[in-house]
């Protein structure tokens, strides 16, 4: 059940990011949006730990703020994979990707907190 709630939170986060951030565009159905959430979960599970390990000196040096850049890189990879899989998510540049990753992170965090409180 927790995995479904996380995917739902990521789906909502991507939808809100597209709605709030100029430069992020999505053309597709809710099913494609859920597919993007699945791609994001796979990218975060497989590539995320590797990037975080290699960026650890920068994370320590910036007291954790570099993790925002890492999240943006992972979101950029998700956007690229979305284009390769014809899921319909595009970005105009790193600024839009960074802000979109920030929105998705905040929404996913809030969804996780609500899921813990509900259980």
C-alpha atoms as a PDB file:
ATOM      1  CA  UNK A   1       0.000   0.000   0.000  1.00  0.00           C
ATOM      2  CA  UNK A   2       2.872   2.379   0.737  1.00  0.00           C
ATOM      3  CA  UNK A   3       4.250   2.026  -2.792  1.00  0.00           C
ATOM      4  CA  UNK A   4       0.885   2.959  -4.312  1.00  0.00           C
ATOM      5  CA  UNK A   5       0.638   6.038  -2.082  1.00  0.00           C
ATOM      6  CA  UNK A   6       4.173   7.110  -3.029  1.00  0.00           C
ATOM      7  CA  UNK A   7       3.411   6.696  -6.725  1.00  0.00           C
ATOM      8  CA  UNK A   8       0.189   8.679  -6.268  1.00  0.00           C
ATOM      9  CA  UNK A   9       2.122  11.440  -4.478  1.00  0.00           C
ATOM     10  CA  UNK A  10       4.734  11.516  -7.262  1.00  0.00           C
ATOM     11  CA  UNK A  11       1.978  11.635  -9.887  1.00  0.00           C
ATOM     12  CA  UNK A  12       0.333  14.542  -8.083  1.00  0.00           C
ATOM     13  CA  UNK A  13       3.722  16.231  -7.683  1.00  0.00           C
ATOM     14  CA  UNK A  14       4.510  16.019 -11.402  1.00  0.00           C
ATOM     15  CA  UNK A  15       1.032  17.316 -12.254  1.00  0.00           C
ATOM     16  CA  UNK A  16       1.444  20.269  -9.867  1.00  0.00           C
ATOM     17  CA  UNK A  17       4.943  20.975 -11.151  1.00  0.00           C
ATOM     18  CA  UNK A  18       3.644  21.151 -14.722  1.00  0.00           C
ATOM     19  CA  UNK A  19       0.801  23.413 -13.591  1.00  0.00           C
ATOM     20  CA  UNK A  20       2.999  25.763 -11.533  1.00  0.00           C
ATOM     21  CA  UNK A  21       6.349  25.931 -13.352  1.00  0.00           C
ATOM     22  CA  UNK A  22       6.685  27.735 -16.660  1.00  0.00           C
ATOM     23  CA  UNK A  23       8.883  25.663 -18.919  1.00  0.00           C
ATOM     24  CA  UNK A  24       7.541  22.260 -17.909  1.00  0.00           C
ATOM     25  CA  UNK A  25       5.041  20.846 -20.374  1.00  0.00           C
ATOM     26  CA  UNK A  26       2.993  17.674 -20.340  1.00  0.00           C
ATOM     27  CA  UNK A  27       0.813  16.342 -23.122  1.00  0.00           C
ATOM     28  CA  UNK A  28      -0.842  13.060 -22.316  1.00  0.00           C
ATOM     29  CA  UNK A  29      -3.283  11.186 -20.139  1.00  0.00           C
ATOM     30  CA  UNK A  30      -3.327  10.414 -16.439  1.00  0.00           C
ATOM     31  CA  UNK A  31      -2.005   6.977 -17.321  1.00  0.00           C
ATOM     32  CA  UNK A  32       1.057   8.562 -18.954  1.00  0.00           C
ATOM     33  CA  UNK A  33       1.471  10.763 -15.872  1.00  0.00           C
ATOM     34  CA  UNK A  34       1.423   7.644 -13.691  1.00  0.00           C
ATOM     35  CA  UNK A  35       3.992   6.127 -16.058  1.00  0.00           C
ATOM     36  CA  UNK A  36       6.224   9.139 -15.448  1.00  0.00           C
ATOM     37  CA  UNK A  37       5.864   8.560 -11.696  1.00  0.00           C
ATOM     38  CA  UNK A  38       6.953   4.936 -12.178  1.00  0.00           C
ATOM     39  CA  UNK A  39       9.947   6.047 -14.274  1.00  0.00           C
ATOM     40  CA  UNK A  40      10.809   8.588 -11.565  1.00  0.00           C
ATOM     41  CA  UNK A  41      10.653   5.893  -8.880  1.00  0.00           C
ATOM     42  CA  UNK A  42      12.946   3.621 -10.895  1.00  0.00           C
ATOM     43  CA  UNK A  43      15.422   6.448 -11.580  1.00  0.00           C
ATOM     44  CA  UNK A  44      15.460   7.427  -7.901  1.00  0.00           C
ATOM     45  CA  UNK A  45      15.951   3.810  -6.821  1.00  0.00           C
ATOM     46  CA  UNK A  46      18.659   2.860  -9.317  1.00  0.00           C
ATOM     47  CA  UNK A  47      20.549   6.021 -10.237  1.00  0.00           C
ATOM     48  CA  UNK A  48      19.861   8.152  -7.158  1.00  0.00           C
ATOM     49  CA  UNK A  49      22.131   6.338  -4.698  1.00  0.00           C
ATOM     50  CA  UNK A  50      25.013   6.319  -7.188  1.00  0.00           C
ATOM     51  CA  UNK A  51      24.791  10.066  -7.855  1.00  0.00           C
ATOM     52  CA  UNK A  52      24.385  10.803  -4.141  1.00  0.00           C
ATOM     53  CA  UNK A  53      27.459   8.732  -3.320  1.00  0.00           C
ATOM     54  CA  UNK A  54      29.634  10.503  -5.890  1.00  0.00           C
ATOM     55  CA  UNK A  55      28.338  13.936  -4.877  1.00  0.00           C
ATOM     56  CA  UNK A  56      28.817  13.333  -1.139  1.00  0.00           C
ATOM     57  CA  UNK A  57      31.759  15.772  -0.819  1.00  0.00           C
ATOM     58  CA  UNK A  58      29.642  18.556  -2.358  1.00  0.00           C
ATOM     59  CA  UNK A  59      26.678  17.631  -0.151  1.00  0.00           C
ATOM     60  CA  UNK A  60      28.874  17.874   2.954  1.00  0.00           C
ATOM     61  CA  UNK A  61      30.510  21.082   1.761  1.00  0.00           C
ATOM     62  CA  UNK A  62      27.150  22.772   1.118  1.00  0.00           C
ATOM     63  CA  UNK A  63      25.519  21.319   4.255  1.00  0.00           C
ATOM     64  CA  UNK A  64      23.035  19.337   2.174  1.00  0.00           C
ATOM     65  CA  UNK A  65      21.926  22.032  -0.252  1.00  0.00           C
ATOM     66  CA  UNK A  66      23.606  20.223  -3.147  1.00  0.00           C
ATOM     67  CA  UNK A  67      20.926  17.535  -2.760  1.00  0.00           C
ATOM     68  CA  UNK A  68      18.563  19.992  -4.473  1.00  0.00           C
ATOM     69  CA  UNK A  69      20.836  19.908  -7.518  1.00  0.00           C
ATOM     70  CA  UNK A  70      20.982  16.103  -7.313  1.00  0.00           C
ATOM     71  CA  UNK A  71      17.166  15.986  -7.288  1.00  0.00           C
ATOM     72  CA  UNK A  72      17.116  18.262 -10.328  1.00  0.00           C
ATOM     73  CA  UNK A  73      19.567  15.968 -12.135  1.00  0.00           C
ATOM     74  CA  UNK A  74      17.404  12.943 -11.346  1.00  0.00           C
ATOM     75  CA  UNK A  75      14.303  14.827 -12.521  1.00  0.00           C
ATOM     76  CA  UNK A  76      16.141  15.811 -15.724  1.00  0.00           C
ATOM     77  CA  UNK A  77      16.933  12.147 -16.311  1.00  0.00           C
ATOM     78  CA  UNK A  78      13.263  11.332 -15.726  1.00  0.00           C
ATOM     79  CA  UNK A  79      12.247  13.981 -18.255  1.00  0.00           C
ATOM     80  CA  UNK A  80      14.731  12.595 -20.794  1.00  0.00           C
ATOM     81  CA  UNK A  81      13.462   9.043 -20.285  1.00  0.00           C
ATOM     82  CA  UNK A  82       9.900  10.350 -20.593  1.00  0.00           C
ATOM     83  CA  UNK A  83      10.802  11.696 -24.012  1.00  0.00           C
ATOM     84  CA  UNK A  84      12.380   8.393 -25.027  1.00  0.00           C
ATOM     85  CA  UNK A  85       9.265   6.495 -23.915  1.00  0.00           C
ATOM     86  CA  UNK A  86       6.829   9.033 -25.468  1.00  0.00           C
ATOM     87  CA  UNK A  87       5.196   9.839 -22.123  1.00  0.00           C
ATOM     88  CA  UNK A  88       4.878  13.535 -22.949  1.00  0.00           C
ATOM     89  CA  UNK A  89       6.880  15.382 -20.276  1.00  0.00           C
ATOM     90  CA  UNK A  90       9.267  18.056 -21.563  1.00  0.00           C
ATOM     91  CA  UNK A  91      11.320  20.888 -20.086  1.00  0.00           C
ATOM     92  CA  UNK A  92      12.768  24.040 -21.610  1.00  0.00           C
ATOM     93  CA  UNK A  93      15.882  24.169 -19.438  1.00  0.00           C
ATOM     94  CA  UNK A  94      17.628  23.495 -16.152  1.00  0.00           C
ATOM     95  CA  UNK A  95      15.815  26.274 -14.296  1.00  0.00           C
ATOM     96  CA  UNK A  96      12.409  24.806 -15.041  1.00  0.00           C
ATOM     97  CA  UNK A  97      13.705  21.336 -14.228  1.00  0.00           C
ATOM     98  CA  UNK A  98      15.140  22.548 -10.910  1.00  0.00           C
ATOM     99  CA  UNK A  99      11.899  24.243  -9.871  1.00  0.00           C
ATOM    100  CA  UNK A 100       9.861  21.240 -11.023  1.00  0.00           C
ATOM    101  CA  UNK A 101      12.046  18.902  -8.975  1.00  0.00           C
ATOM    102  CA  UNK A 102      11.549  21.167  -5.969  1.00  0.00           C
ATOM    103  CA  UNK A 103       7.756  21.044  -6.356  1.00  0.00           C
ATOM    104  CA  UNK A 104       7.750  17.263  -6.811  1.00  0.00           C
ATOM    105  CA  UNK A 105       9.995  16.811  -3.759  1.00  0.00           C
ATOM    106  CA  UNK A 106       7.780  18.951  -1.524  1.00  0.00           C
ATOM    107  CA  UNK A 107       4.585  17.217  -2.661  1.00  0.00           C
ATOM    108  CA  UNK A 108       6.139  13.744  -2.275  1.00  0.00           C
ATOM    109  CA  UNK A 109       7.374  14.674   1.198  1.00  0.00           C
ATOM    110  CA  UNK A 110       3.920  15.943   2.212  1.00  0.00           C
ATOM    111  CA  UNK A 111       2.286  12.810   0.806  1.00  0.00           C
ATOM    112  CA  UNK A 112       4.680  10.617   2.740  1.00  0.00           C
ATOM    113  CA  UNK A 113       3.939  12.500   5.951  1.00  0.00           C
ATOM    114  CA  UNK A 114       0.190  12.145   5.401  1.00  0.00           C
ATOM    115  CA  UNK A 115       0.577   8.431   4.660  1.00  0.00           C
ATOM    116  CA  UNK A 116       2.514   7.905   7.890  1.00  0.00           C
ATOM    117  CA  UNK A 117      -0.074   9.834   9.853  1.00  0.00           C
ATOM    118  CA  UNK A 118      -2.937   7.817   8.320  1.00  0.00           C
ATOM    119  CA  UNK A 119      -1.380   4.464   9.226  1.00  0.00           C
END
